[in-house]
Amino acid sequence: MPGCSKNRAISLIYRFCLLIPLLYLFSACASSLNVYHKLSDTEYTSSDYRAILARWTRKGSIHRGLKTELLIAATYKVEEFRRAYTEEYARVYMLTSAQNATMMDDQIEAAEDYDDFLVSIYTEEKEWDDFSERDSLWKIYLIKDGQLRIEPLEIRKVKKSRALSETFYPFISPWSSIYLFRFKKKDLPQPSKSVELVLTSAPGSATLRWDL
C-alpha cells in the first residue's frame, strides 16, 4: 500500500507539471486578445477617419419614466464621410488604385442622388425592431430646414458583419440592429442648413439633427 500511495503522488506531480505550460499558454493567449481588442478599439482606424465619423454621427434615445426603451445612433453619409470611409476601407483592405477609384466614384454618385443614413438601433422590445417592415410601428422622416419633410425611399435591414461594422462604426454593439435609411434628394433652390432624422411612433419619438 505505501508503494501505491507513492506512485499516485508521483503521477499527480507529473500531471501538474504538464498543466503548468498549458496555463501559461492560455494566459498568454488571453493577454494577446486583450491587446488586440485594445488596438482595434483605439488605433486600428485612423484618427482622421474617426474625427470625420464623429462629425457626422448623432445619438439619441427614447425613455419611458426611468427606463430607456430605445437607443439609436446614425451616421449621415454625406460626401465628406463617404470619401473618408472609402479611403479608410481601401487602406484596411489594401485595395488597388483602380479598386479605390471605382469605389470612390460609386460613393460620390450615391452622395449626389441620395441622403443615406447608417443607423444602429437597440431596443429590448423585439416587436419594436421592425423598421423595414411594411406595417412598421414607426414612421421615419427627413426634415430639411425645419420645413421640407421627406419620406424614405428605402429602409433596408443590413446583414451585420461584426468585424466590419465594429471597425468602421464602433458605436454598433453586438445587440443592435443595423439599417440603411435612404431618402431621394430633392432639387432645392439653395443648400439646406440643417437636417433632422425623425423616428416617431406611439411609444415615443427621437430626433437627430445635423447642422450643415
N, C-alpha and C. Protein backbone atom coordinates (compact mmCIF):
# COMPACT_ATOMS: atom_id res chain seq x y z
N MET A 1 0.81 -1.23 0.00
CA MET A 1 0.00 0.00 0.00
C MET A 1 0.84 1.27 0.00
N PRO A 2 1.92 1.36 0.80
CA PRO A 2 2.76 2.56 0.75
C PRO A 2 3.29 2.80 -0.65
N GLY A 3 3.63 1.69 -1.39
CA GLY A 3 4.14 1.84 -2.75
C GLY A 3 3.11 2.45 -3.68
N CYS A 4 1.84 2.06 -3.49
CA CYS A 4 0.75 2.60 -4.32
C CYS A 4 0.58 4.10 -4.09
N SER A 5 0.64 4.50 -2.80
CA SER A 5 0.50 5.92 -2.46
C SER A 5 1.62 6.74 -3.09
N LYS A 6 2.84 6.15 -3.05
CA LYS A 6 3.98 6.86 -3.62
C LYS A 6 3.81 7.02 -5.13
N ASN A 7 3.36 5.95 -5.80
CA ASN A 7 3.15 6.02 -7.25
C ASN A 7 2.06 7.04 -7.62
N ARG A 8 1.02 7.07 -6.77
CA ARG A 8 -0.07 8.01 -7.04
C ARG A 8 0.43 9.45 -6.89
N ALA A 9 1.25 9.69 -5.89
CA ALA A 9 1.79 11.04 -5.67
C ALA A 9 2.67 11.46 -6.84
N ILE A 10 3.49 10.53 -7.33
CA ILE A 10 4.36 10.84 -8.47
C ILE A 10 3.52 11.16 -9.70
N SER A 11 2.42 10.40 -9.89
CA SER A 11 1.54 10.63 -11.03
C SER A 11 0.89 12.01 -10.97
N LEU A 12 0.46 12.42 -9.76
CA LEU A 12 -0.16 13.73 -9.61
C LEU A 12 0.84 14.85 -9.88
N ILE A 13 2.07 14.68 -9.42
CA ILE A 13 3.11 15.69 -9.66
C ILE A 13 3.39 15.82 -11.15
N TYR A 14 3.44 14.68 -11.85
CA TYR A 14 3.72 14.66 -13.28
C TYR A 14 2.61 15.39 -14.05
N ARG A 15 1.35 15.14 -13.64
CA ARG A 15 0.23 15.80 -14.31
C ARG A 15 0.25 17.30 -14.07
N PHE A 16 0.61 17.69 -12.85
CA PHE A 16 0.67 19.11 -12.51
C PHE A 16 1.74 19.82 -13.34
N CYS A 17 2.88 19.15 -13.54
CA CYS A 17 3.96 19.72 -14.34
C CYS A 17 3.52 19.91 -15.80
N LEU A 18 2.71 18.97 -16.30
CA LEU A 18 2.20 19.12 -17.66
C LEU A 18 1.19 20.26 -17.76
N LEU A 19 0.47 20.52 -16.66
CA LEU A 19 -0.58 21.54 -16.68
C LEU A 19 0.00 22.95 -16.70
N ILE A 20 1.16 23.15 -16.08
CA ILE A 20 1.74 24.50 -15.96
C ILE A 20 1.97 25.15 -17.32
N PRO A 21 2.59 24.47 -18.31
CA PRO A 21 2.76 25.10 -19.62
C PRO A 21 1.44 25.46 -20.30
N LEU A 22 0.41 24.60 -20.10
CA LEU A 22 -0.89 24.89 -20.71
C LEU A 22 -1.50 26.15 -20.12
N LEU A 23 -1.40 26.30 -18.78
CA LEU A 23 -1.92 27.50 -18.13
C LEU A 23 -1.19 28.75 -18.62
N TYR A 24 0.11 28.61 -18.80
CA TYR A 24 0.89 29.73 -19.30
C TYR A 24 0.46 30.11 -20.72
N LEU A 25 0.21 29.08 -21.55
CA LEU A 25 -0.22 29.32 -22.92
C LEU A 25 -1.56 30.02 -22.97
N PHE A 26 -2.52 29.52 -22.15
CA PHE A 26 -3.84 30.15 -22.13
C PHE A 26 -3.75 31.60 -21.66
N SER A 27 -2.90 31.83 -20.64
CA SER A 27 -2.72 33.19 -20.12
C SER A 27 -2.15 34.11 -21.19
N ALA A 28 -1.17 33.60 -21.94
CA ALA A 28 -0.55 34.39 -22.99
C ALA A 28 -1.56 34.71 -24.08
N CYS A 29 -2.39 33.72 -24.45
CA CYS A 29 -3.42 33.94 -25.48
C CYS A 29 -4.42 35.00 -25.04
N ALA A 30 -4.86 34.89 -23.77
CA ALA A 30 -5.82 35.86 -23.25
C ALA A 30 -5.22 37.25 -23.26
N SER A 31 -3.93 37.35 -22.87
CA SER A 31 -3.27 38.63 -22.86
C SER A 31 -3.18 39.21 -24.27
N SER A 32 -2.87 38.35 -25.25
CA SER A 32 -2.79 38.80 -26.64
C SER A 32 -4.13 39.30 -27.14
N LEU A 33 -5.22 38.59 -26.76
CA LEU A 33 -6.55 39.01 -27.18
C LEU A 33 -6.89 40.37 -26.60
N ASN A 34 -6.53 40.58 -25.33
CA ASN A 34 -6.80 41.87 -24.71
C ASN A 34 -6.08 42.99 -25.45
N VAL A 35 -4.83 42.76 -25.80
CA VAL A 35 -4.06 43.75 -26.54
C VAL A 35 -4.71 44.01 -27.90
N TYR A 36 -5.15 42.93 -28.58
CA TYR A 36 -5.78 43.07 -29.90
C TYR A 36 -7.04 43.91 -29.81
N HIS A 37 -7.88 43.61 -28.79
CA HIS A 37 -9.11 44.38 -28.63
C HIS A 37 -8.79 45.85 -28.38
N LYS A 38 -7.76 46.11 -27.59
CA LYS A 38 -7.40 47.49 -27.29
C LYS A 38 -6.97 48.21 -28.56
N LEU A 39 -6.14 47.56 -29.37
CA LEU A 39 -5.70 48.17 -30.62
C LEU A 39 -6.88 48.38 -31.55
N SER A 40 -7.79 47.39 -31.62
CA SER A 40 -8.94 47.51 -32.51
C SER A 40 -9.83 48.68 -32.11
N ASP A 41 -10.03 48.85 -30.78
CA ASP A 41 -10.94 49.88 -30.30
C ASP A 41 -10.37 51.28 -30.46
N THR A 42 -9.04 51.41 -30.37
CA THR A 42 -8.48 52.75 -30.28
C THR A 42 -7.55 53.13 -31.42
N GLU A 43 -6.96 52.19 -32.12
CA GLU A 43 -5.91 52.55 -33.04
C GLU A 43 -6.05 51.96 -34.44
N TYR A 44 -6.94 51.01 -34.63
CA TYR A 44 -6.95 50.32 -35.91
C TYR A 44 -7.39 51.23 -37.04
N THR A 45 -8.39 52.05 -36.80
CA THR A 45 -8.77 53.05 -37.80
C THR A 45 -8.00 54.34 -37.53
N SER A 46 -7.82 55.13 -38.57
CA SER A 46 -7.01 56.34 -38.46
C SER A 46 -7.76 57.41 -37.67
N SER A 47 -6.99 58.31 -37.07
CA SER A 47 -7.60 59.40 -36.29
C SER A 47 -8.40 60.33 -37.20
N ASP A 48 -7.96 60.52 -38.44
CA ASP A 48 -8.70 61.37 -39.38
C ASP A 48 -10.08 60.79 -39.66
N TYR A 49 -10.13 59.48 -39.89
CA TYR A 49 -11.42 58.83 -40.15
C TYR A 49 -12.33 58.94 -38.93
N ARG A 50 -11.78 58.67 -37.74
CA ARG A 50 -12.61 58.71 -36.53
C ARG A 50 -13.16 60.10 -36.28
N ALA A 51 -12.38 61.13 -36.61
CA ALA A 51 -12.85 62.50 -36.42
C ALA A 51 -14.02 62.82 -37.36
N ILE A 52 -13.91 62.39 -38.61
CA ILE A 52 -15.00 62.64 -39.57
C ILE A 52 -16.23 61.80 -39.22
N LEU A 53 -16.02 60.56 -38.78
CA LEU A 53 -17.13 59.73 -38.33
C LEU A 53 -17.88 60.41 -37.20
N ALA A 54 -17.14 60.93 -36.22
CA ALA A 54 -17.77 61.60 -35.08
C ALA A 54 -18.53 62.85 -35.53
N ARG A 55 -17.99 63.57 -36.52
CA ARG A 55 -18.61 64.80 -37.00
C ARG A 55 -19.99 64.53 -37.60
N TRP A 56 -20.17 63.35 -38.24
CA TRP A 56 -21.40 63.07 -38.94
C TRP A 56 -22.26 61.99 -38.27
N THR A 57 -21.97 61.71 -37.01
CA THR A 57 -22.75 60.72 -36.25
C THR A 57 -23.49 61.41 -35.11
N ARG A 58 -24.76 61.04 -34.95
CA ARG A 58 -25.57 61.55 -33.85
C ARG A 58 -26.20 60.37 -33.10
N LYS A 59 -26.46 60.60 -31.81
CA LYS A 59 -27.06 59.56 -30.97
C LYS A 59 -28.29 60.10 -30.27
N GLY A 60 -29.25 59.21 -30.03
CA GLY A 60 -30.47 59.60 -29.34
C GLY A 60 -31.07 58.43 -28.61
N SER A 61 -32.18 58.68 -27.91
CA SER A 61 -32.82 57.62 -27.13
C SER A 61 -34.28 57.98 -26.89
N ILE A 62 -35.03 56.95 -26.54
CA ILE A 62 -36.43 57.12 -26.14
C ILE A 62 -36.57 56.53 -24.74
N HIS A 63 -37.17 57.29 -23.84
CA HIS A 63 -37.32 56.86 -22.44
C HIS A 63 -38.79 56.78 -22.07
N ARG A 64 -39.08 55.89 -21.16
CA ARG A 64 -40.41 55.82 -20.55
C ARG A 64 -40.19 55.78 -19.05
N GLY A 65 -40.44 56.91 -18.39
CA GLY A 65 -40.09 57.02 -16.99
C GLY A 65 -38.57 56.97 -16.85
N LEU A 66 -38.08 56.09 -16.00
CA LEU A 66 -36.65 55.93 -15.81
C LEU A 66 -36.05 54.87 -16.73
N LYS A 67 -36.90 54.22 -17.50
CA LYS A 67 -36.43 53.12 -18.35
C LYS A 67 -36.10 53.62 -19.75
N THR A 68 -34.95 53.21 -20.26
CA THR A 68 -34.57 53.51 -21.63
C THR A 68 -35.18 52.45 -22.54
N GLU A 69 -36.05 52.89 -23.44
CA GLU A 69 -36.75 51.95 -24.31
C GLU A 69 -36.01 51.70 -25.63
N LEU A 70 -35.29 52.71 -26.11
CA LEU A 70 -34.64 52.56 -27.42
C LEU A 70 -33.39 53.43 -27.46
N LEU A 71 -32.34 52.89 -28.06
CA LEU A 71 -31.10 53.64 -28.30
C LEU A 71 -30.84 53.66 -29.80
N ILE A 72 -30.46 54.82 -30.30
CA ILE A 72 -30.21 54.96 -31.73
C ILE A 72 -28.94 55.76 -31.96
N ALA A 73 -28.17 55.34 -32.95
CA ALA A 73 -27.02 56.10 -33.43
C ALA A 73 -27.06 56.07 -34.94
N ALA A 74 -26.79 57.20 -35.58
CA ALA A 74 -26.89 57.27 -37.04
C ALA A 74 -25.75 58.11 -37.60
N THR A 75 -25.16 57.62 -38.68
CA THR A 75 -24.14 58.36 -39.41
C THR A 75 -24.74 58.86 -40.72
N TYR A 76 -24.67 60.16 -40.91
CA TYR A 76 -25.16 60.79 -42.13
C TYR A 76 -24.06 60.66 -43.18
N LYS A 77 -24.36 59.94 -44.26
CA LYS A 77 -23.33 59.60 -45.23
C LYS A 77 -23.21 60.68 -46.31
N VAL A 78 -22.78 61.84 -45.86
CA VAL A 78 -22.52 62.94 -46.79
C VAL A 78 -21.24 62.64 -47.57
N GLU A 79 -20.95 63.47 -48.57
CA GLU A 79 -19.79 63.19 -49.43
C GLU A 79 -18.49 63.17 -48.62
N GLU A 80 -18.34 64.08 -47.67
CA GLU A 80 -17.11 64.10 -46.86
C GLU A 80 -16.91 62.78 -46.14
N PHE A 81 -17.99 62.27 -45.55
CA PHE A 81 -17.86 60.99 -44.86
C PHE A 81 -17.58 59.86 -45.83
N ARG A 82 -18.28 59.84 -46.97
CA ARG A 82 -18.09 58.77 -47.94
C ARG A 82 -16.64 58.73 -48.44
N ARG A 83 -16.05 59.89 -48.65
CA ARG A 83 -14.65 59.94 -49.09
C ARG A 83 -13.73 59.36 -48.01
N ALA A 84 -13.97 59.76 -46.77
CA ALA A 84 -13.13 59.27 -45.67
C ALA A 84 -13.30 57.77 -45.49
N TYR A 85 -14.54 57.30 -45.58
CA TYR A 85 -14.81 55.86 -45.44
C TYR A 85 -14.13 55.06 -46.54
N THR A 86 -14.22 55.56 -47.78
CA THR A 86 -13.61 54.85 -48.90
C THR A 86 -12.09 54.77 -48.73
N GLU A 87 -11.47 55.87 -48.33
CA GLU A 87 -10.02 55.86 -48.14
C GLU A 87 -9.62 54.91 -47.01
N GLU A 88 -10.43 54.89 -45.96
CA GLU A 88 -10.11 54.01 -44.83
C GLU A 88 -10.31 52.54 -45.22
N TYR A 89 -11.39 52.27 -45.93
CA TYR A 89 -11.67 50.90 -46.38
C TYR A 89 -10.55 50.42 -47.32
N ALA A 90 -10.14 51.30 -48.21
CA ALA A 90 -9.07 50.94 -49.15
C ALA A 90 -7.77 50.66 -48.41
N ARG A 91 -7.50 51.43 -47.36
CA ARG A 91 -6.28 51.20 -46.58
C ARG A 91 -6.34 49.87 -45.83
N VAL A 92 -7.47 49.62 -45.17
CA VAL A 92 -7.61 48.40 -44.37
C VAL A 92 -7.53 47.16 -45.23
N TYR A 93 -8.21 47.19 -46.38
CA TYR A 93 -8.26 46.01 -47.24
C TYR A 93 -7.24 46.03 -48.38
N MET A 94 -6.34 47.04 -48.34
CA MET A 94 -5.25 47.12 -49.31
C MET A 94 -5.76 47.04 -50.75
N LEU A 95 -6.78 47.86 -51.06
CA LEU A 95 -7.31 47.90 -52.41
C LEU A 95 -6.29 48.49 -53.38
N THR A 96 -6.39 48.09 -54.62
CA THR A 96 -5.56 48.69 -55.64
C THR A 96 -6.07 50.10 -55.95
N SER A 97 -5.27 50.87 -56.66
CA SER A 97 -5.69 52.23 -57.04
C SER A 97 -6.96 52.20 -57.87
N ALA A 98 -7.05 51.22 -58.77
CA ALA A 98 -8.24 51.09 -59.62
C ALA A 98 -9.47 50.75 -58.78
N GLN A 99 -9.33 49.82 -57.85
CA GLN A 99 -10.45 49.44 -56.98
C GLN A 99 -10.88 50.63 -56.11
N ASN A 100 -9.91 51.35 -55.60
CA ASN A 100 -10.21 52.52 -54.78
C ASN A 100 -10.97 53.56 -55.58
N ALA A 101 -10.52 53.80 -56.82
CA ALA A 101 -11.17 54.80 -57.68
C ALA A 101 -12.61 54.40 -58.01
N THR A 102 -12.83 53.13 -58.29
CA THR A 102 -14.19 52.65 -58.61
C THR A 102 -15.12 52.81 -57.41
N MET A 103 -14.62 52.43 -56.24
CA MET A 103 -15.42 52.57 -55.03
C MET A 103 -15.72 54.03 -54.75
N MET A 104 -14.72 54.90 -54.93
CA MET A 104 -14.92 56.34 -54.68
C MET A 104 -15.96 56.91 -55.63
N ASP A 105 -15.90 56.55 -56.91
CA ASP A 105 -16.89 57.03 -57.88
C ASP A 105 -18.31 56.61 -57.49
N ASP A 106 -18.45 55.36 -57.05
CA ASP A 106 -19.77 54.86 -56.64
C ASP A 106 -20.29 55.63 -55.44
N GLN A 107 -19.41 55.91 -54.48
CA GLN A 107 -19.83 56.62 -53.27
C GLN A 107 -20.22 58.06 -53.57
N ILE A 108 -19.44 58.74 -54.41
CA ILE A 108 -19.75 60.13 -54.74
C ILE A 108 -21.06 60.22 -55.52
N GLU A 109 -21.29 59.28 -56.44
CA GLU A 109 -22.54 59.25 -57.19
C GLU A 109 -23.73 59.05 -56.25
N ALA A 110 -23.58 58.15 -55.27
CA ALA A 110 -24.65 57.92 -54.29
C ALA A 110 -24.91 59.18 -53.47
N ALA A 111 -23.84 59.90 -53.11
CA ALA A 111 -23.99 61.12 -52.31
C ALA A 111 -24.74 62.20 -53.09
N GLU A 112 -24.58 62.22 -54.41
CA GLU A 112 -25.27 63.21 -55.24
C GLU A 112 -26.76 62.91 -55.36
N ASP A 113 -27.13 61.63 -55.30
CA ASP A 113 -28.52 61.24 -55.55
C ASP A 113 -29.34 61.02 -54.28
N TYR A 114 -28.67 60.66 -53.18
CA TYR A 114 -29.41 60.22 -52.00
C TYR A 114 -28.86 60.85 -50.71
N ASP A 115 -29.76 60.98 -49.75
CA ASP A 115 -29.37 61.22 -48.36
C ASP A 115 -29.46 59.87 -47.66
N ASP A 116 -28.33 59.29 -47.37
CA ASP A 116 -28.26 57.97 -46.74
C ASP A 116 -27.81 58.08 -45.29
N PHE A 117 -28.39 57.22 -44.46
CA PHE A 117 -28.01 57.16 -43.04
C PHE A 117 -27.76 55.71 -42.66
N LEU A 118 -26.61 55.46 -42.06
CA LEU A 118 -26.32 54.14 -41.49
C LEU A 118 -26.77 54.21 -40.04
N VAL A 119 -27.75 53.39 -39.68
CA VAL A 119 -28.44 53.53 -38.39
C VAL A 119 -28.29 52.26 -37.55
N SER A 120 -27.88 52.45 -36.32
CA SER A 120 -27.81 51.35 -35.34
C SER A 120 -28.90 51.56 -34.30
N ILE A 121 -29.71 50.53 -34.08
CA ILE A 121 -30.85 50.65 -33.16
C ILE A 121 -30.86 49.47 -32.20
N TYR A 122 -31.05 49.78 -30.93
CA TYR A 122 -31.21 48.73 -29.92
C TYR A 122 -32.48 48.99 -29.13
N THR A 123 -33.29 47.96 -28.96
CA THR A 123 -34.44 48.03 -28.08
C THR A 123 -34.69 46.65 -27.48
N GLU A 124 -35.07 46.63 -26.21
CA GLU A 124 -35.39 45.36 -25.56
C GLU A 124 -36.69 44.78 -26.11
N GLU A 125 -37.58 45.65 -26.57
CA GLU A 125 -38.86 45.20 -27.11
C GLU A 125 -38.65 44.76 -28.57
N LYS A 126 -38.54 43.48 -28.82
CA LYS A 126 -38.19 42.99 -30.14
C LYS A 126 -39.23 43.39 -31.20
N GLU A 127 -40.50 43.50 -30.81
CA GLU A 127 -41.51 43.88 -31.80
C GLU A 127 -41.34 45.33 -32.26
N TRP A 128 -40.56 46.12 -31.52
CA TRP A 128 -40.30 47.49 -31.94
C TRP A 128 -39.25 47.53 -33.05
N ASP A 129 -38.48 46.48 -33.17
CA ASP A 129 -37.39 46.44 -34.16
C ASP A 129 -37.94 45.94 -35.50
N ASP A 130 -38.80 46.77 -36.11
CA ASP A 130 -39.47 46.35 -37.35
C ASP A 130 -39.43 47.46 -38.39
N PHE A 131 -38.39 48.25 -38.39
CA PHE A 131 -38.32 49.46 -39.21
C PHE A 131 -38.43 49.19 -40.71
N SER A 132 -37.99 48.02 -41.15
CA SER A 132 -38.02 47.71 -42.58
C SER A 132 -39.31 47.01 -43.01
N GLU A 133 -40.22 46.78 -42.07
CA GLU A 133 -41.48 46.11 -42.40
C GLU A 133 -42.49 47.10 -42.98
N ARG A 134 -43.36 46.60 -43.85
CA ARG A 134 -44.36 47.47 -44.47
C ARG A 134 -45.33 48.06 -43.45
N ASP A 135 -45.71 47.24 -42.48
CA ASP A 135 -46.65 47.70 -41.46
C ASP A 135 -45.90 48.06 -40.17
N SER A 136 -44.75 48.67 -40.32
CA SER A 136 -43.91 49.01 -39.18
C SER A 136 -44.65 49.89 -38.17
N LEU A 137 -44.28 49.72 -36.93
CA LEU A 137 -44.79 50.56 -35.85
C LEU A 137 -44.34 52.01 -36.03
N TRP A 138 -43.29 52.24 -36.78
CA TRP A 138 -42.62 53.53 -36.85
C TRP A 138 -42.90 54.28 -38.15
N LYS A 139 -42.83 55.60 -38.05
CA LYS A 139 -42.78 56.48 -39.21
C LYS A 139 -41.41 57.18 -39.17
N ILE A 140 -40.78 57.22 -40.35
CA ILE A 140 -39.46 57.82 -40.46
C ILE A 140 -39.55 59.00 -41.42
N TYR A 141 -38.98 60.15 -41.02
CA TYR A 141 -38.98 61.33 -41.87
C TYR A 141 -37.60 61.98 -41.86
N LEU A 142 -37.30 62.64 -42.98
CA LEU A 142 -36.15 63.53 -43.04
C LEU A 142 -36.68 64.94 -43.21
N ILE A 143 -36.32 65.83 -42.31
CA ILE A 143 -36.81 67.21 -42.35
C ILE A 143 -35.64 68.14 -42.62
N LYS A 144 -35.77 68.94 -43.68
CA LYS A 144 -34.72 69.88 -44.05
C LYS A 144 -35.14 71.31 -43.74
N ASP A 145 -34.27 72.01 -43.05
CA ASP A 145 -34.50 73.41 -42.67
C ASP A 145 -35.80 73.59 -41.89
N GLY A 146 -36.22 72.54 -41.17
CA GLY A 146 -37.40 72.63 -40.33
C GLY A 146 -38.70 72.68 -41.09
N GLN A 147 -38.68 72.52 -42.42
CA GLN A 147 -39.90 72.69 -43.21
C GLN A 147 -40.17 71.52 -44.16
N LEU A 148 -39.22 71.23 -45.04
CA LEU A 148 -39.43 70.20 -46.05
C LEU A 148 -39.33 68.82 -45.42
N ARG A 149 -40.43 68.07 -45.50
CA ARG A 149 -40.45 66.72 -44.92
C ARG A 149 -40.44 65.68 -46.04
N ILE A 150 -39.48 64.77 -45.96
CA ILE A 150 -39.30 63.75 -47.00
C ILE A 150 -39.46 62.37 -46.38
N GLU A 151 -40.23 61.51 -47.03
CA GLU A 151 -40.37 60.14 -46.56
C GLU A 151 -39.28 59.26 -47.20
N PRO A 152 -38.90 58.20 -46.53
CA PRO A 152 -37.79 57.38 -47.05
C PRO A 152 -38.13 56.67 -48.36
N LEU A 153 -37.15 56.63 -49.22
CA LEU A 153 -37.26 55.85 -50.45
C LEU A 153 -37.09 54.37 -50.14
N GLU A 154 -36.24 54.08 -49.17
CA GLU A 154 -35.94 52.68 -48.81
C GLU A 154 -35.48 52.62 -47.36
N ILE A 155 -35.95 51.59 -46.66
CA ILE A 155 -35.42 51.25 -45.35
C ILE A 155 -35.02 49.78 -45.42
N ARG A 156 -33.74 49.54 -45.31
CA ARG A 156 -33.24 48.18 -45.51
C ARG A 156 -32.43 47.73 -44.29
N LYS A 157 -32.78 46.54 -43.80
CA LYS A 157 -32.02 45.98 -42.70
C LYS A 157 -30.74 45.38 -43.26
N VAL A 158 -29.62 45.74 -42.66
CA VAL A 158 -28.32 45.34 -43.17
C VAL A 158 -27.82 44.13 -42.40
N LYS A 159 -27.42 43.11 -43.14
CA LYS A 159 -26.83 41.94 -42.50
C LYS A 159 -25.52 42.36 -41.87
N LYS A 160 -25.37 42.07 -40.58
CA LYS A 160 -24.25 42.60 -39.83
C LYS A 160 -23.05 41.68 -39.87
N SER A 161 -21.93 42.22 -40.34
CA SER A 161 -20.64 41.57 -40.16
C SER A 161 -19.98 42.25 -38.99
N ARG A 162 -19.86 41.56 -37.87
CA ARG A 162 -19.42 42.22 -36.65
C ARG A 162 -18.03 42.84 -36.81
N ALA A 163 -17.11 42.10 -37.42
CA ALA A 163 -15.76 42.63 -37.57
C ALA A 163 -15.75 43.89 -38.42
N LEU A 164 -16.52 43.87 -39.53
CA LEU A 164 -16.56 45.02 -40.42
C LEU A 164 -17.27 46.20 -39.78
N SER A 165 -18.46 45.96 -39.24
CA SER A 165 -19.26 47.06 -38.71
C SER A 165 -18.62 47.71 -37.49
N GLU A 166 -18.06 46.91 -36.59
CA GLU A 166 -17.49 47.48 -35.37
C GLU A 166 -16.15 48.15 -35.62
N THR A 167 -15.49 47.81 -36.73
CA THR A 167 -14.25 48.51 -37.07
C THR A 167 -14.55 49.90 -37.59
N PHE A 168 -15.49 50.01 -38.53
CA PHE A 168 -15.77 51.30 -39.17
C PHE A 168 -16.85 52.10 -38.45
N TYR A 169 -17.71 51.43 -37.69
CA TYR A 169 -18.77 52.10 -36.93
C TYR A 169 -18.74 51.57 -35.49
N PRO A 170 -17.81 52.02 -34.67
CA PRO A 170 -17.64 51.43 -33.34
C PRO A 170 -18.81 51.64 -32.39
N PHE A 171 -19.77 52.51 -32.75
CA PHE A 171 -20.95 52.67 -31.90
C PHE A 171 -21.92 51.50 -32.04
N ILE A 172 -21.72 50.63 -33.03
CA ILE A 172 -22.58 49.46 -33.21
C ILE A 172 -22.22 48.41 -32.17
N SER A 173 -23.22 47.91 -31.48
CA SER A 173 -23.00 46.89 -30.45
C SER A 173 -23.44 45.52 -30.98
N PRO A 174 -23.01 44.45 -30.32
CA PRO A 174 -23.44 43.11 -30.74
C PRO A 174 -24.94 42.90 -30.63
N TRP A 175 -25.63 43.77 -29.85
CA TRP A 175 -27.06 43.57 -29.60
C TRP A 175 -27.93 44.49 -30.45
N SER A 176 -27.32 45.33 -31.27
CA SER A 176 -28.12 46.28 -32.05
C SER A 176 -28.38 45.75 -33.45
N SER A 177 -29.39 46.30 -34.09
CA SER A 177 -29.69 46.02 -35.49
C SER A 177 -29.20 47.19 -36.33
N ILE A 178 -28.81 46.90 -37.58
CA ILE A 178 -28.29 47.94 -38.46
C ILE A 178 -29.25 48.12 -39.64
N TYR A 179 -29.53 49.38 -39.93
CA TYR A 179 -30.39 49.71 -41.05
C TYR A 179 -29.74 50.76 -41.94
N LEU A 180 -30.13 50.74 -43.21
CA LEU A 180 -29.83 51.84 -44.11
C LEU A 180 -31.14 52.59 -44.36
N PHE A 181 -31.19 53.87 -44.00
CA PHE A 181 -32.32 54.73 -44.30
C PHE A 181 -31.91 55.56 -45.52
N ARG A 182 -32.65 55.43 -46.61
CA ARG A 182 -32.30 56.14 -47.84
C ARG A 182 -33.44 57.08 -48.24
N PHE A 183 -33.08 58.34 -48.53
CA PHE A 183 -34.02 59.36 -48.98
C PHE A 183 -33.54 59.91 -50.32
N LYS A 184 -34.47 60.07 -51.25
CA LYS A 184 -34.13 60.66 -52.54
C LYS A 184 -33.90 62.16 -52.36
N LYS A 185 -32.79 62.65 -52.89
CA LYS A 185 -32.52 64.08 -52.77
C LYS A 185 -33.48 64.88 -53.64
N LYS A 186 -33.91 66.01 -53.11
CA LYS A 186 -34.81 66.90 -53.83
C LYS A 186 -34.02 68.09 -54.39
N ASP A 187 -34.45 68.59 -55.53
CA ASP A 187 -33.85 69.80 -56.10
C ASP A 187 -34.37 71.01 -55.32
N LEU A 188 -33.46 71.67 -54.63
CA LEU A 188 -33.84 72.81 -53.81
C LEU A 188 -33.18 74.08 -54.35
N PRO A 189 -33.81 75.24 -54.13
CA PRO A 189 -33.24 76.49 -54.64
C PRO A 189 -31.89 76.83 -54.01
N GLN A 190 -31.66 76.34 -52.79
CA GLN A 190 -30.39 76.58 -52.12
C GLN A 190 -30.09 75.42 -51.18
N PRO A 191 -28.82 75.21 -50.86
CA PRO A 191 -28.45 74.10 -49.98
C PRO A 191 -29.12 74.21 -48.61
N SER A 192 -29.46 73.07 -48.05
CA SER A 192 -30.07 73.05 -46.72
C SER A 192 -29.06 73.45 -45.66
N LYS A 193 -29.56 74.09 -44.62
CA LYS A 193 -28.69 74.48 -43.50
C LYS A 193 -28.79 73.51 -42.33
N SER A 194 -29.85 72.70 -42.32
CA SER A 194 -30.00 71.71 -41.25
C SER A 194 -30.79 70.52 -41.76
N VAL A 195 -30.53 69.38 -41.16
CA VAL A 195 -31.23 68.14 -41.50
C VAL A 195 -31.59 67.44 -40.19
N GLU A 196 -32.83 66.96 -40.11
CA GLU A 196 -33.27 66.22 -38.94
C GLU A 196 -33.82 64.86 -39.36
N LEU A 197 -33.34 63.82 -38.72
CA LEU A 197 -33.85 62.47 -38.93
C LEU A 197 -34.80 62.17 -37.77
N VAL A 198 -36.06 61.90 -38.11
CA VAL A 198 -37.10 61.73 -37.09
C VAL A 198 -37.63 60.31 -37.12
N LEU A 199 -37.68 59.68 -35.95
CA LEU A 199 -38.33 58.38 -35.77
C LEU A 199 -39.47 58.61 -34.79
N THR A 200 -40.68 58.29 -35.19
CA THR A 200 -41.80 58.56 -34.31
C THR A 200 -42.82 57.42 -34.35
N SER A 201 -43.44 57.16 -33.20
CA SER A 201 -44.45 56.11 -33.07
C SER A 201 -45.20 56.33 -31.77
N ALA A 202 -46.15 55.43 -31.49
CA ALA A 202 -46.92 55.54 -30.25
C ALA A 202 -46.02 55.47 -29.01
N PRO A 203 -45.00 54.60 -28.97
CA PRO A 203 -44.15 54.54 -27.77
C PRO A 203 -43.32 55.78 -27.52
N GLY A 204 -43.08 56.59 -28.57
CA GLY A 204 -42.26 57.78 -28.38
C GLY A 204 -41.59 58.20 -29.67
N SER A 205 -40.74 59.22 -29.60
CA SER A 205 -40.06 59.69 -30.79
C SER A 205 -38.65 60.16 -30.44
N ALA A 206 -37.80 60.16 -31.47
CA ALA A 206 -36.43 60.63 -31.32
C ALA A 206 -36.08 61.44 -32.55
N THR A 207 -35.33 62.52 -32.35
CA THR A 207 -34.90 63.38 -33.46
C THR A 207 -33.40 63.58 -33.38
N LEU A 208 -32.73 63.30 -34.50
CA LEU A 208 -31.30 63.51 -34.61
C LEU A 208 -31.07 64.66 -35.59
N ARG A 209 -30.25 65.64 -35.21
CA ARG A 209 -30.10 66.85 -36.01
C ARG A 209 -28.65 67.05 -36.44
N TRP A 210 -28.49 67.45 -37.69
CA TRP A 210 -27.19 67.83 -38.23
C TRP A 210 -27.27 69.27 -38.75
N ASP A 211 -26.38 70.15 -38.31
CA ASP A 211 -26.27 71.49 -38.89
C ASP A 211 -25.21 71.43 -39.99
N LEU A 212 -25.58 71.90 -41.17
CA LEU A 212 -24.72 71.78 -42.34
C LEU A 212 -23.95 73.06 -42.64
